[in-house]
N, C-alpha and C. Protein backbone atom coordinates (compact mmCIF):
# COMPACT_ATOMS: atom_id res chain seq x y z
N MET A 1 94.34 111.76 125.44
CA MET A 1 95.65 111.24 125.52
C MET A 1 96.00 110.62 123.87
N ARG A 2 97.11 110.84 123.65
CA ARG A 2 97.62 110.23 121.69
C ARG A 2 98.03 108.90 122.26
N ILE A 3 98.00 107.76 121.34
CA ILE A 3 97.72 106.34 121.85
C ILE A 3 98.40 106.15 120.21
N VAL A 4 100.02 104.79 120.15
CA VAL A 4 100.03 104.45 119.47
C VAL A 4 100.11 102.94 119.63
N PHE A 5 99.78 102.32 118.55
CA PHE A 5 99.66 100.20 118.63
C PHE A 5 100.03 100.09 117.88
N ILE A 6 101.34 99.06 118.41
CA ILE A 6 102.28 98.73 117.96
C ILE A 6 101.51 96.92 117.79
N GLY A 7 101.36 96.39 116.79
CA GLY A 7 101.50 94.94 116.99
C GLY A 7 101.22 94.09 115.14
N THR A 8 100.76 92.71 115.61
CA THR A 8 100.79 92.23 114.24
C THR A 8 99.43 91.11 114.25
N GLY A 9 99.13 89.98 115.06
CA GLY A 9 99.09 88.87 115.24
C GLY A 9 97.41 89.45 115.33
N GLU A 10 96.44 88.47 115.46
CA GLU A 10 95.38 88.48 115.56
C GLU A 10 94.45 88.55 116.74
N ILE A 11 95.69 88.04 117.97
CA ILE A 11 95.53 88.52 119.25
C ILE A 11 95.17 89.93 119.93
N GLY A 12 95.69 90.71 118.77
CA GLY A 12 95.54 92.58 118.95
C GLY A 12 94.22 92.94 118.51
N LEU A 13 93.39 92.11 117.63
CA LEU A 13 92.33 92.44 116.81
C LEU A 13 91.33 93.25 118.31
N PRO A 14 90.83 92.76 119.12
CA PRO A 14 89.93 93.43 119.95
C PRO A 14 90.51 94.54 120.90
N THR A 15 92.12 94.85 120.86
CA THR A 15 92.34 95.71 121.83
C THR A 15 92.51 96.89 120.70
N LEU A 16 92.68 96.83 119.23
CA LEU A 16 92.85 97.82 118.35
C LEU A 16 91.49 98.58 118.14
N ARG A 17 90.68 97.32 118.60
CA ARG A 17 89.13 97.96 118.00
C ARG A 17 88.83 99.14 119.76
N MET A 18 88.97 98.16 120.37
CA MET A 18 88.68 99.30 121.67
C MET A 18 89.73 100.42 121.72
N LEU A 19 90.67 100.73 121.32
CA LEU A 19 91.48 101.69 120.81
C LEU A 19 90.92 102.83 120.02
N ARG A 20 90.38 102.03 119.29
CA ARG A 20 89.37 102.85 118.06
C ARG A 20 88.65 103.73 118.37
N GLU A 21 87.86 103.17 119.27
CA GLU A 21 86.29 103.38 119.44
C GLU A 21 86.48 104.19 120.94
N TRP A 22 87.33 105.03 121.53
CA TRP A 22 87.75 105.25 122.66
C TRP A 22 87.62 106.71 122.40
N ARG A 23 86.62 107.32 123.22
CA ARG A 23 86.68 108.57 123.04
C ARG A 23 87.25 109.57 123.61
N GLU A 24 88.04 108.64 125.03
CA GLU A 24 88.45 109.35 125.81
C GLU A 24 90.08 109.66 125.28
N HIS A 25 89.91 108.92 124.28
CA HIS A 25 91.52 108.90 123.86
C HIS A 25 91.46 109.37 122.18
N GLU A 26 92.94 109.50 121.72
CA GLU A 26 92.92 109.18 120.65
C GLU A 26 93.93 108.43 119.93
N LEU A 27 93.47 107.28 119.16
CA LEU A 27 94.38 106.57 118.45
C LEU A 27 94.96 107.06 117.30
N VAL A 28 96.20 107.35 117.29
CA VAL A 28 96.77 108.58 115.70
C VAL A 28 97.99 107.80 115.42
N GLY A 29 98.59 106.20 115.59
CA GLY A 29 98.77 105.44 114.49
C GLY A 29 98.89 103.91 114.56
N ILE A 30 99.86 103.41 113.70
CA ILE A 30 99.80 101.70 114.12
C ILE A 30 100.80 101.34 113.33
N VAL A 31 101.70 101.00 113.89
CA VAL A 31 103.08 99.88 113.82
C VAL A 31 102.50 98.12 113.40
N THR A 32 102.53 98.07 112.22
CA THR A 32 102.82 96.32 112.18
C THR A 32 104.20 95.57 111.30
N GLN A 33 103.93 94.81 111.03
CA GLN A 33 104.54 93.91 110.30
C GLN A 33 104.61 94.46 108.74
N PRO A 34 105.64 94.16 107.95
CA PRO A 34 105.28 94.61 106.45
C PRO A 34 104.32 92.98 105.76
N ASP A 35 103.84 93.72 104.80
CA ASP A 35 103.22 92.70 103.80
C ASP A 35 103.85 91.45 103.97
N LYS A 36 103.29 90.50 103.90
CA LYS A 36 104.23 89.08 103.12
C LYS A 36 103.56 88.31 102.50
N PRO A 37 103.94 87.67 101.27
CA PRO A 37 103.56 86.59 100.38
C PRO A 37 102.81 85.41 101.28
N VAL A 38 101.82 84.76 100.95
CA VAL A 38 101.06 84.33 101.11
C VAL A 38 100.60 82.92 100.32
N GLY A 39 100.74 81.62 100.76
CA GLY A 39 100.23 80.89 99.88
C GLY A 39 100.83 80.32 98.45
N ARG A 40 100.47 79.31 97.47
CA ARG A 40 101.03 78.77 96.57
C ARG A 40 101.35 80.17 95.93
N ASP A 41 100.32 81.35 95.33
CA ASP A 41 100.69 82.19 94.43
C ASP A 41 101.09 83.20 94.96
N GLN A 42 101.65 82.80 96.59
CA GLN A 42 102.51 83.75 97.17
C GLN A 42 102.36 85.39 96.77
N LYS A 43 100.95 85.02 97.04
CA LYS A 43 100.24 86.60 97.05
C LYS A 43 100.50 87.84 98.17
N LEU A 44 101.01 89.08 98.24
CA LEU A 44 101.31 89.75 98.93
C LEU A 44 100.05 89.94 100.09
N THR A 45 100.04 89.72 101.45
CA THR A 45 98.74 89.73 102.10
C THR A 45 99.48 90.74 103.22
N PRO A 46 98.75 91.73 103.52
CA PRO A 46 98.43 92.54 105.01
C PRO A 46 98.67 91.64 106.61
N PRO A 47 99.18 91.57 107.04
CA PRO A 47 99.22 91.20 108.56
C PRO A 47 97.77 91.52 109.15
N PRO A 48 96.90 90.85 109.98
CA PRO A 48 95.77 91.09 110.72
C PRO A 48 95.56 92.70 111.23
N ILE A 49 96.45 92.85 111.50
CA ILE A 49 96.17 94.17 112.09
C ILE A 49 96.25 95.36 110.86
N LYS A 50 97.20 94.89 109.89
CA LYS A 50 96.46 96.11 108.82
C LYS A 50 95.61 96.31 107.81
N ALA A 51 95.03 94.39 107.92
CA ALA A 51 93.82 94.57 107.31
C ALA A 51 92.54 95.17 107.91
N ALA A 52 92.44 95.30 109.46
CA ALA A 52 91.68 95.39 110.53
C ALA A 52 91.19 96.96 110.72
N SER A 53 92.71 97.35 110.68
CA SER A 53 92.48 98.58 110.47
C SER A 53 92.17 99.90 109.80
N GLN A 54 92.61 99.18 108.25
CA GLN A 54 92.06 99.88 107.03
C GLN A 54 90.07 100.06 107.08
N GLN A 55 90.08 98.92 107.46
CA GLN A 55 88.54 98.33 108.05
C GLN A 55 88.17 99.48 108.65
N LEU A 56 88.42 99.58 109.76
CA LEU A 56 88.37 100.58 110.71
C LEU A 56 88.07 102.00 110.25
N SER A 57 89.08 102.61 109.37
CA SER A 57 89.35 103.75 109.13
C SER A 57 88.15 104.30 107.99
N VAL A 58 87.65 103.24 107.52
CA VAL A 58 86.64 103.42 106.48
C VAL A 58 85.45 103.37 107.26
N ALA A 59 85.05 102.99 108.08
CA ALA A 59 83.69 102.73 109.10
C ALA A 59 83.60 103.83 109.84
N GLY A 60 84.93 104.34 109.78
CA GLY A 60 85.06 105.43 111.10
C GLY A 60 84.60 106.72 110.07
N ALA A 61 85.33 106.89 108.64
CA ALA A 61 85.41 108.26 107.58
C ALA A 61 83.64 108.66 107.60
N THR A 62 83.74 110.01 107.82
CA THR A 62 82.04 110.70 107.37
C THR A 62 82.60 111.58 106.59
N SER A 63 81.33 112.35 106.07
CA SER A 63 81.29 113.13 104.41
C SER A 63 82.45 114.38 105.01
N GLN A 64 82.54 114.66 106.08
CA GLN A 64 83.26 115.77 106.91
C GLN A 64 84.72 115.75 106.60
N CYS A 65 85.14 114.31 106.98
CA CYS A 65 86.70 114.39 107.06
C CYS A 65 86.54 112.47 107.52
N GLU A 66 87.54 112.26 106.45
CA GLU A 66 88.25 111.04 106.30
C GLU A 66 89.19 110.55 107.73
N LEU A 67 88.46 109.29 109.02
CA LEU A 67 89.27 108.79 109.66
C LEU A 67 90.65 107.94 109.24
N GLU A 68 91.50 108.11 108.64
CA GLU A 68 92.03 107.16 108.31
C GLU A 68 93.61 107.44 108.98
N LEU A 69 94.04 106.33 109.64
CA LEU A 69 94.94 106.14 110.51
C LEU A 69 96.06 105.83 110.12
N PRO A 70 97.39 106.90 109.82
CA PRO A 70 98.65 105.96 109.96
C PRO A 70 98.76 104.85 109.90
N ILE A 71 99.57 104.06 109.03
CA ILE A 71 99.65 102.76 109.38
C ILE A 71 101.61 102.84 108.56
N LEU A 72 102.74 102.50 109.89
CA LEU A 72 103.75 102.09 109.61
C LEU A 72 104.05 100.86 109.54
N GLN A 73 104.71 100.09 108.27
CA GLN A 73 105.30 98.31 108.10
C GLN A 73 106.86 98.44 108.22
N PRO A 74 107.54 99.14 108.97
CA PRO A 74 109.36 98.73 109.04
C PRO A 74 109.44 97.22 109.02
N THR A 75 110.38 97.70 108.01
CA THR A 75 111.05 95.99 107.84
C THR A 75 111.76 96.13 109.68
N ARG A 76 112.48 96.75 110.12
CA ARG A 76 113.08 96.40 111.42
C ARG A 76 112.56 97.65 112.05
N ILE A 77 112.43 97.77 112.86
CA ILE A 77 111.52 98.66 113.87
C ILE A 77 112.98 99.37 114.71
N LYS A 78 113.82 99.07 114.57
CA LYS A 78 115.29 99.97 114.92
C LYS A 78 116.02 100.96 114.01
N MET A 79 115.19 100.80 112.54
CA MET A 79 115.92 101.37 112.22
C MET A 79 116.07 103.25 112.23
N PRO A 80 116.52 103.85 112.08
CA PRO A 80 116.54 105.64 112.38
C PRO A 80 115.39 105.97 111.65
N GLU A 81 114.58 105.13 110.53
CA GLU A 81 113.19 106.21 109.64
C GLU A 81 112.41 105.58 110.68
N ALA A 82 112.20 104.24 110.95
CA ALA A 82 111.34 103.94 111.70
C ALA A 82 110.88 104.35 112.79
N ILE A 83 112.22 105.12 113.91
CA ILE A 83 112.32 105.62 115.06
C ILE A 83 111.37 106.69 114.86
N ASP A 84 111.72 107.51 113.68
CA ASP A 84 111.51 108.68 113.52
C ASP A 84 110.12 109.09 112.80
N ALA A 85 109.97 108.30 112.39
CA ALA A 85 108.29 108.27 111.87
C ALA A 85 107.60 107.95 112.76
N ILE A 86 107.80 107.07 114.16
CA ILE A 86 106.84 106.91 115.33
C ILE A 86 106.89 108.29 116.19
N ARG A 87 108.44 108.93 116.24
CA ARG A 87 108.08 110.10 117.17
C ARG A 87 107.70 111.11 116.59
N ARG A 88 107.40 110.90 115.43
CA ARG A 88 106.94 111.80 114.86
C ARG A 88 104.86 112.52 115.19
N LEU A 89 104.59 110.59 115.06
CA LEU A 89 103.36 110.60 115.76
C LEU A 89 102.95 111.36 117.28
N ASP A 90 104.27 111.69 117.62
CA ASP A 90 103.86 112.13 119.18
C ASP A 90 102.93 111.67 120.11
N PRO A 91 103.30 110.15 120.68
CA PRO A 91 102.55 109.14 121.50
C PRO A 91 102.42 110.12 122.47
N ASP A 92 101.39 110.19 123.71
CA ASP A 92 102.03 109.73 125.33
C ASP A 92 101.87 108.34 125.46
N VAL A 93 101.06 107.71 125.16
CA VAL A 93 101.69 106.29 125.83
C VAL A 93 101.58 104.97 124.30
N ILE A 94 102.55 104.42 124.38
CA ILE A 94 102.49 102.80 123.26
C ILE A 94 102.29 101.84 123.57
N VAL A 95 101.06 101.15 122.89
CA VAL A 95 100.90 99.56 123.55
C VAL A 95 100.98 98.87 122.19
N VAL A 96 101.88 97.75 123.09
CA VAL A 96 102.16 96.91 122.19
C VAL A 96 101.67 95.49 122.61
N THR A 97 101.15 94.70 121.76
CA THR A 97 100.49 93.34 121.45
C THR A 97 101.16 92.53 120.78
N ALA A 98 102.36 91.42 121.06
CA ALA A 98 102.49 90.35 119.85
C ALA A 98 102.63 91.05 118.47
N TYR A 99 103.83 91.98 118.74
CA TYR A 99 104.40 92.36 117.01
C TYR A 99 105.06 91.84 116.86
N GLY A 100 106.00 91.04 117.30
CA GLY A 100 106.90 90.16 116.58
C GLY A 100 108.49 90.77 116.51
N GLN A 101 109.08 91.65 117.15
CA GLN A 101 110.14 92.48 117.34
C GLN A 101 110.34 93.06 118.62
N ILE A 102 111.63 92.74 119.16
CA ILE A 102 111.61 93.92 119.95
C ILE A 102 111.99 95.33 119.99
N LEU A 103 111.00 95.57 120.53
CA LEU A 103 111.57 97.31 120.54
C LEU A 103 112.71 97.93 121.22
N PRO A 104 113.69 98.62 120.35
CA PRO A 104 114.98 99.35 121.07
C PRO A 104 114.47 100.73 121.85
N ARG A 105 115.64 100.67 122.93
CA ARG A 105 115.52 102.05 124.00
C ARG A 105 115.12 102.97 123.05
N GLU A 106 115.66 103.75 121.87
CA GLU A 106 115.05 104.68 121.57
C GLU A 106 113.61 104.95 120.75
N VAL A 107 112.82 104.05 121.17
CA VAL A 107 111.43 103.76 120.29
C VAL A 107 110.73 103.42 122.17
N LEU A 108 111.18 102.68 122.88
CA LEU A 108 110.50 102.77 124.34
C LEU A 108 111.12 104.31 125.41
N GLU A 109 111.64 105.13 124.46
CA GLU A 109 111.80 106.64 125.32
C GLU A 109 110.83 107.65 124.56
N ILE A 110 110.12 106.93 123.38
CA ILE A 110 109.42 107.86 122.91
C ILE A 110 108.27 108.72 123.22
N PRO A 111 107.28 107.72 123.72
CA PRO A 111 106.07 108.08 124.40
C PRO A 111 106.36 108.79 125.75
N THR A 112 105.44 110.02 126.23
CA THR A 112 105.67 110.96 127.13
C THR A 112 105.24 110.22 128.55
N ILE A 113 104.31 109.49 128.32
CA ILE A 113 104.02 108.72 129.68
C ILE A 113 104.67 107.12 129.82
N ALA A 114 104.48 106.50 128.84
CA ALA A 114 104.99 105.01 129.19
C ALA A 114 104.92 104.13 127.94
N CYS A 115 105.51 102.69 127.93
CA CYS A 115 104.98 102.17 126.65
C CYS A 115 104.72 100.76 127.49
N LEU A 116 103.31 100.34 126.87
CA LEU A 116 103.20 99.26 127.37
C LEU A 116 102.87 97.64 126.94
N ASN A 117 103.26 96.86 127.05
CA ASN A 117 102.95 95.49 126.56
C ASN A 117 101.77 94.76 127.08
N LEU A 118 101.11 94.01 126.26
CA LEU A 118 100.12 93.20 126.85
C LEU A 118 100.17 91.70 126.05
N HIS A 119 100.34 91.16 127.26
CA HIS A 119 101.64 89.65 126.93
C HIS A 119 100.41 88.49 127.24
N ALA A 120 100.10 87.19 126.29
CA ALA A 120 99.35 86.53 126.87
C ALA A 120 99.93 85.56 127.77
N SER A 121 100.38 85.89 128.74
CA SER A 121 100.60 84.69 129.81
C SER A 121 100.78 85.37 130.91
N ILE A 122 100.66 84.70 132.36
CA ILE A 122 101.28 85.32 133.49
C ILE A 122 102.22 85.59 133.87
N LEU A 123 102.84 86.39 133.64
CA LEU A 123 104.83 86.38 133.87
C LEU A 123 104.72 87.00 135.26
N PRO A 124 105.99 86.10 135.49
CA PRO A 124 106.89 85.69 135.05
C PRO A 124 107.15 84.23 133.78
N ARG A 125 106.02 83.53 133.71
CA ARG A 125 106.34 82.43 133.35
C ARG A 125 105.88 82.71 131.65
N TRP A 126 106.33 81.89 130.74
CA TRP A 126 106.37 82.15 129.59
C TRP A 126 106.51 83.42 128.91
N ARG A 127 107.96 83.92 129.49
CA ARG A 127 108.28 84.90 128.47
C ARG A 127 108.78 84.59 127.21
N GLY A 128 108.28 85.78 126.20
CA GLY A 128 108.51 85.50 124.77
C GLY A 128 107.57 84.83 124.01
N ALA A 129 107.72 84.68 122.56
CA ALA A 129 107.03 83.97 121.96
C ALA A 129 105.92 83.01 122.22
N ALA A 130 105.28 82.64 121.75
CA ALA A 130 104.26 81.55 121.41
C ALA A 130 103.87 80.93 123.40
N PRO A 131 103.42 81.85 123.82
CA PRO A 131 103.34 82.03 125.15
C PRO A 131 101.97 80.80 125.33
N ILE A 132 100.83 80.89 124.46
CA ILE A 132 99.66 80.08 124.48
C ILE A 132 99.56 78.86 124.29
N GLN A 133 100.77 78.35 123.04
CA GLN A 133 100.98 77.07 122.80
C GLN A 133 101.96 76.32 124.14
N ALA A 134 102.94 77.42 124.40
CA ALA A 134 103.57 76.84 125.69
C ALA A 134 102.88 76.20 126.73
N ALA A 135 101.73 77.47 127.44
CA ALA A 135 101.34 76.96 128.36
C ALA A 135 100.07 75.73 128.15
N ILE A 136 99.66 75.35 127.18
CA ILE A 136 98.70 74.56 126.79
C ILE A 136 99.91 72.78 126.82
N ALA A 137 101.05 73.10 126.37
CA ALA A 137 101.99 71.54 126.22
C ALA A 137 102.73 71.52 127.78
N ALA A 138 102.48 72.32 128.21
CA ALA A 138 103.30 72.23 129.74
C ALA A 138 102.42 71.61 130.70
N GLY A 139 100.50 71.47 130.27
CA GLY A 139 99.68 71.02 131.09
C GLY A 139 99.54 72.28 132.13
N ASP A 140 99.32 73.49 132.32
CA ASP A 140 99.40 74.53 132.92
C ASP A 140 97.86 74.64 133.22
N ARG A 141 97.23 74.67 134.27
CA ARG A 141 95.68 75.09 134.84
C ARG A 141 94.85 76.75 134.26
N GLU A 142 96.18 77.51 134.26
CA GLU A 142 95.73 78.69 134.17
C GLU A 142 96.76 79.47 133.48
N THR A 143 96.39 80.54 132.94
CA THR A 143 96.91 81.59 132.17
C THR A 143 96.25 82.70 132.33
N GLY A 144 96.81 83.83 131.36
CA GLY A 144 96.04 85.26 131.43
C GLY A 144 96.57 86.20 130.51
N ILE A 145 96.40 87.55 130.43
CA ILE A 145 96.57 88.74 130.37
C ILE A 145 97.79 89.40 131.32
N THR A 146 98.96 89.90 130.72
CA THR A 146 99.94 90.51 131.88
C THR A 146 100.08 92.32 131.13
N VAL A 147 99.38 93.19 132.02
CA VAL A 147 100.05 94.57 131.71
C VAL A 147 101.41 94.89 132.33
N MET A 148 101.93 95.31 131.27
CA MET A 148 103.41 95.15 131.91
C MET A 148 104.00 96.76 131.31
N TYR A 149 104.84 97.32 131.87
CA TYR A 149 105.92 98.38 131.31
C TYR A 149 106.88 97.86 130.74
N MET A 150 107.36 98.42 129.93
CA MET A 150 108.41 97.51 128.96
C MET A 150 109.46 98.31 128.81
N ASP A 151 110.65 97.63 129.25
CA ASP A 151 112.28 97.54 128.33
C ASP A 151 112.95 96.95 128.02
N GLU A 152 113.99 97.05 128.19
CA GLU A 152 114.78 96.47 126.60
C GLU A 152 115.11 95.15 126.18
N GLY A 153 114.65 94.35 127.58
CA GLY A 153 114.61 92.65 128.10
C GLY A 153 113.68 92.01 127.39
N LEU A 154 113.24 90.74 127.00
CA LEU A 154 112.47 90.35 126.59
C LEU A 154 111.22 90.00 127.14
N ASP A 155 110.24 90.79 127.40
CA ASP A 155 109.37 90.63 128.42
C ASP A 155 109.45 90.90 129.87
N THR A 156 110.71 91.85 130.40
CA THR A 156 111.08 91.90 131.75
C THR A 156 110.90 93.10 132.44
N GLY A 157 109.66 93.95 131.56
CA GLY A 157 109.96 95.10 132.74
C GLY A 157 108.51 94.60 133.45
N ASP A 158 108.44 95.72 134.19
CA ASP A 158 107.74 95.97 135.64
C ASP A 158 105.94 95.45 135.47
N ILE A 159 105.63 94.72 136.44
CA ILE A 159 103.94 93.79 136.05
C ILE A 159 103.03 95.05 136.74
N LEU A 160 102.27 95.39 135.68
CA LEU A 160 100.83 96.77 136.14
C LEU A 160 99.85 95.80 136.83
N PHE A 161 99.53 94.74 136.01
CA PHE A 161 98.02 94.07 136.13
C PHE A 161 97.98 92.76 135.43
N GLN A 162 97.40 91.78 135.94
CA GLN A 162 97.13 90.57 135.19
C GLN A 162 95.68 89.96 136.09
N LYS A 163 95.34 89.72 134.53
CA LYS A 163 93.78 88.96 134.71
C LYS A 163 93.97 87.89 134.49
N LYS A 164 93.62 86.74 135.19
CA LYS A 164 93.84 85.28 134.86
C LYS A 164 92.51 84.71 134.30
N ILE A 165 92.65 83.57 133.95
CA ILE A 165 91.96 82.47 132.80
C ILE A 165 91.96 81.04 133.63
N GLY A 166 91.10 79.89 133.54
CA GLY A 166 91.51 78.85 133.44
C GLY A 166 91.90 78.06 132.63
N ILE A 167 92.84 77.25 131.94
CA ILE A 167 93.00 76.49 130.73
C ILE A 167 92.07 74.95 131.21
N VAL A 168 90.72 74.57 130.09
CA VAL A 168 90.23 73.68 130.44
C VAL A 168 90.74 72.26 129.50
N PRO A 169 90.26 71.10 129.84
CA PRO A 169 90.99 70.12 129.41
C PRO A 169 91.63 70.01 128.22
N ASP A 170 89.91 70.19 127.62
CA ASP A 170 90.28 70.08 126.04
C ASP A 170 90.54 71.08 125.19
N GLU A 171 91.06 71.84 126.03
CA GLU A 171 91.78 73.38 125.28
C GLU A 171 92.54 73.33 124.35
N THR A 172 92.13 73.66 122.86
CA THR A 172 93.04 74.60 121.92
C THR A 172 93.96 75.53 122.13
N GLY A 173 95.36 75.61 120.94
CA GLY A 173 96.10 76.73 120.87
C GLY A 173 94.92 77.86 120.19
N GLY A 174 93.49 77.46 119.30
CA GLY A 174 93.03 78.28 118.60
C GLY A 174 91.75 78.89 120.27
N SER A 175 91.32 78.00 120.53
CA SER A 175 90.20 78.35 121.94
C SER A 175 91.03 79.21 122.88
N LEU A 176 91.91 78.92 123.54
CA LEU A 176 92.68 79.56 124.07
C LEU A 176 93.28 81.09 123.90
N HIS A 177 94.00 81.82 122.74
CA HIS A 177 93.99 82.29 122.16
C HIS A 177 92.54 83.30 121.86
N ASP A 178 91.38 82.43 121.45
CA ASP A 178 90.52 83.72 121.23
C ASP A 178 90.30 84.44 122.96
N LYS A 179 90.25 83.16 123.91
CA LYS A 179 89.96 83.89 124.70
C LYS A 179 90.42 85.17 125.74
N LEU A 180 92.00 84.97 125.52
CA LEU A 180 92.57 85.74 125.82
C LEU A 180 92.90 87.00 125.12
N ALA A 181 92.58 87.15 124.27
CA ALA A 181 92.60 88.27 123.03
C ALA A 181 90.93 88.77 123.46
N LYS A 182 90.10 88.05 123.89
CA LYS A 182 88.85 88.91 124.25
C LYS A 182 88.76 89.66 125.98
N ILE A 183 89.74 89.32 126.54
CA ILE A 183 89.94 89.48 127.97
C ILE A 183 91.00 90.51 127.74
N ALA A 184 91.74 90.70 126.71
CA ALA A 184 93.17 91.51 126.42
C ALA A 184 92.27 93.53 126.86
N PRO A 185 91.96 93.85 125.96
CA PRO A 185 91.19 95.16 126.11
C PRO A 185 90.59 95.47 127.44
N GLU A 186 89.79 94.66 128.12
CA GLU A 186 89.15 94.72 129.57
C GLU A 186 90.46 94.78 130.37
N SER A 187 91.73 94.00 130.53
CA SER A 187 92.89 93.90 131.17
C SER A 187 93.11 95.62 130.80
N PHE A 188 93.58 95.91 129.69
CA PHE A 188 94.50 97.22 129.83
C PHE A 188 93.49 98.30 130.54
N ALA A 189 91.80 98.18 129.50
CA ALA A 189 90.97 99.52 130.46
C ALA A 189 90.51 99.38 132.01
N ARG A 190 90.82 98.81 132.64
CA ARG A 190 90.26 98.43 133.97
C ARG A 190 91.60 98.92 134.27
N ARG A 191 93.27 99.36 134.11
CA ARG A 191 94.06 99.60 134.80
C ARG A 191 94.51 100.87 133.87
N GLU A 192 93.70 101.34 133.05
CA GLU A 192 94.20 102.51 132.08
C GLU A 192 94.33 103.97 133.06
N ARG A 193 93.69 104.26 134.28
CA ARG A 193 94.39 105.53 134.64
C ARG A 193 95.43 105.27 135.59
N ARG A 194 95.84 104.28 136.19
CA ARG A 194 97.14 103.40 136.81
C ARG A 194 98.48 103.76 135.76
N CYS A 195 97.80 102.70 134.31
CA CYS A 195 99.02 103.27 133.29
C CYS A 195 99.56 104.58 132.98
N THR A 196 98.74 105.24 133.17
CA THR A 196 98.99 106.69 132.33
C THR A 196 99.39 108.00 133.20
N SER A 197 99.34 107.37 134.21
CA SER A 197 99.54 108.00 135.71
C SER A 197 101.47 108.22 135.92
N HIS A 198 101.87 109.51 135.96
CA HIS A 198 103.39 109.59 136.17
C HIS A 198 103.70 109.16 137.18
N CYS A 199 102.53 108.72 138.32
CA CYS A 199 103.10 108.44 139.34
C CYS A 199 102.92 107.26 140.17
N ALA A 200 102.20 106.45 138.85
CA ALA A 200 101.59 104.60 139.37
C ALA A 200 103.22 104.08 139.76
N ARG A 201 103.33 103.66 140.23
CA ARG A 201 104.24 102.76 141.16
C ARG A 201 104.28 101.08 140.44
N LYS A 202 105.49 101.32 140.09
CA LYS A 202 105.93 100.23 139.50
C LYS A 202 106.22 98.57 140.47
N PRO A 203 105.58 97.55 140.89
CA PRO A 203 105.38 97.03 141.15
C PRO A 203 107.15 95.94 140.74
N PRO A 204 107.40 95.40 141.85
CA PRO A 204 108.83 94.72 141.42
C PRO A 204 108.65 93.72 140.87
N ARG A 205 109.47 93.06 140.23
CA ARG A 205 109.40 91.58 139.45
C ARG A 205 109.95 90.57 140.54
N ASN A 206 109.53 89.58 140.27
CA ASN A 206 109.20 88.10 140.92
C ASN A 206 109.81 87.12 139.75
N LEU A 207 111.14 87.00 139.31
CA LEU A 207 111.96 85.88 138.68
C LEU A 207 112.23 84.72 139.37
N ARG A 208 111.54 84.42 140.02
CA ARG A 208 111.72 83.19 140.73
C ARG A 208 111.32 82.14 139.81
N THR A 209 110.45 82.25 139.32
CA THR A 209 109.53 81.14 138.53
C THR A 209 109.52 81.46 136.86
N GLU A 210 110.61 82.33 136.47
CA GLU A 210 110.63 82.31 135.05
C GLU A 210 111.03 81.58 134.32
N THR A 211 109.89 81.07 133.53
CA THR A 211 109.88 80.49 131.90
C THR A 211 110.22 81.05 130.54
N ARG A 212 110.76 81.02 130.06
CA ARG A 212 110.95 81.35 128.93
C ARG A 212 110.63 80.42 127.55
N THR A 213 109.66 80.53 126.54
CA THR A 213 109.54 79.74 125.53
C THR A 213 110.69 80.13 124.93
N ARG A 214 110.97 78.87 123.78
CA ARG A 214 112.24 78.82 123.07
C ARG A 214 112.74 79.73 121.83
N THR A 215 111.05 80.06 121.46
CA THR A 215 111.85 81.22 119.84
C THR A 215 112.02 82.65 120.85
N ARG A 216 112.87 83.48 119.93
CA ARG A 216 113.22 84.62 120.70
C ARG A 216 112.18 85.93 120.59
N SER A 217 111.15 86.22 119.54
CA SER A 217 110.76 87.37 119.40
C SER A 217 109.73 87.45 120.09
N ALA A 218 108.73 88.37 120.98
CA ALA A 218 107.83 88.71 121.68
C ALA A 218 106.62 89.04 120.95
């Protein structure tokens, strides 16, 4: 199975590493945000996913073959040239984690099997960006990772699988971020067969307890 990973933030790093090391499937490309100026000197800095992917490529290289992954960094993923570049990767599945842009229909329709999102909350609670901070600020007692089919809405696709963890009283955004990052690969891998099956039944969404975070990007 050919997989394209789309993500930007550090929370996606464990999932990226798992996909890179997964012998049963092939990671064929990565899509992330453009490099951005950082700090007082405004040094152009790659996003965490790009930096990690470059290290993975070097670690996986051999004398016979360099296993460098294509890395796409479109300013806007809805641009025709970005869509065409992803289409040329010919993915069976697209896996998305904390990318920062909403994927257009043209991208969602590219994979032959599915486009899947790993979201850092127990949906339908805390759709959108910053779900970790939102859960802590609200005093939630639990959160988790949701594996979901993607559609054109903001985290509105059908839920495939959820893994819950507790939030301790002294939890910080950083500590909860790291816990969720750690369980994300397991959450995806445990349901990989169901995720990639054309016959997988998509469970209906329950929108009655939906809560959105204030920022718009997913």
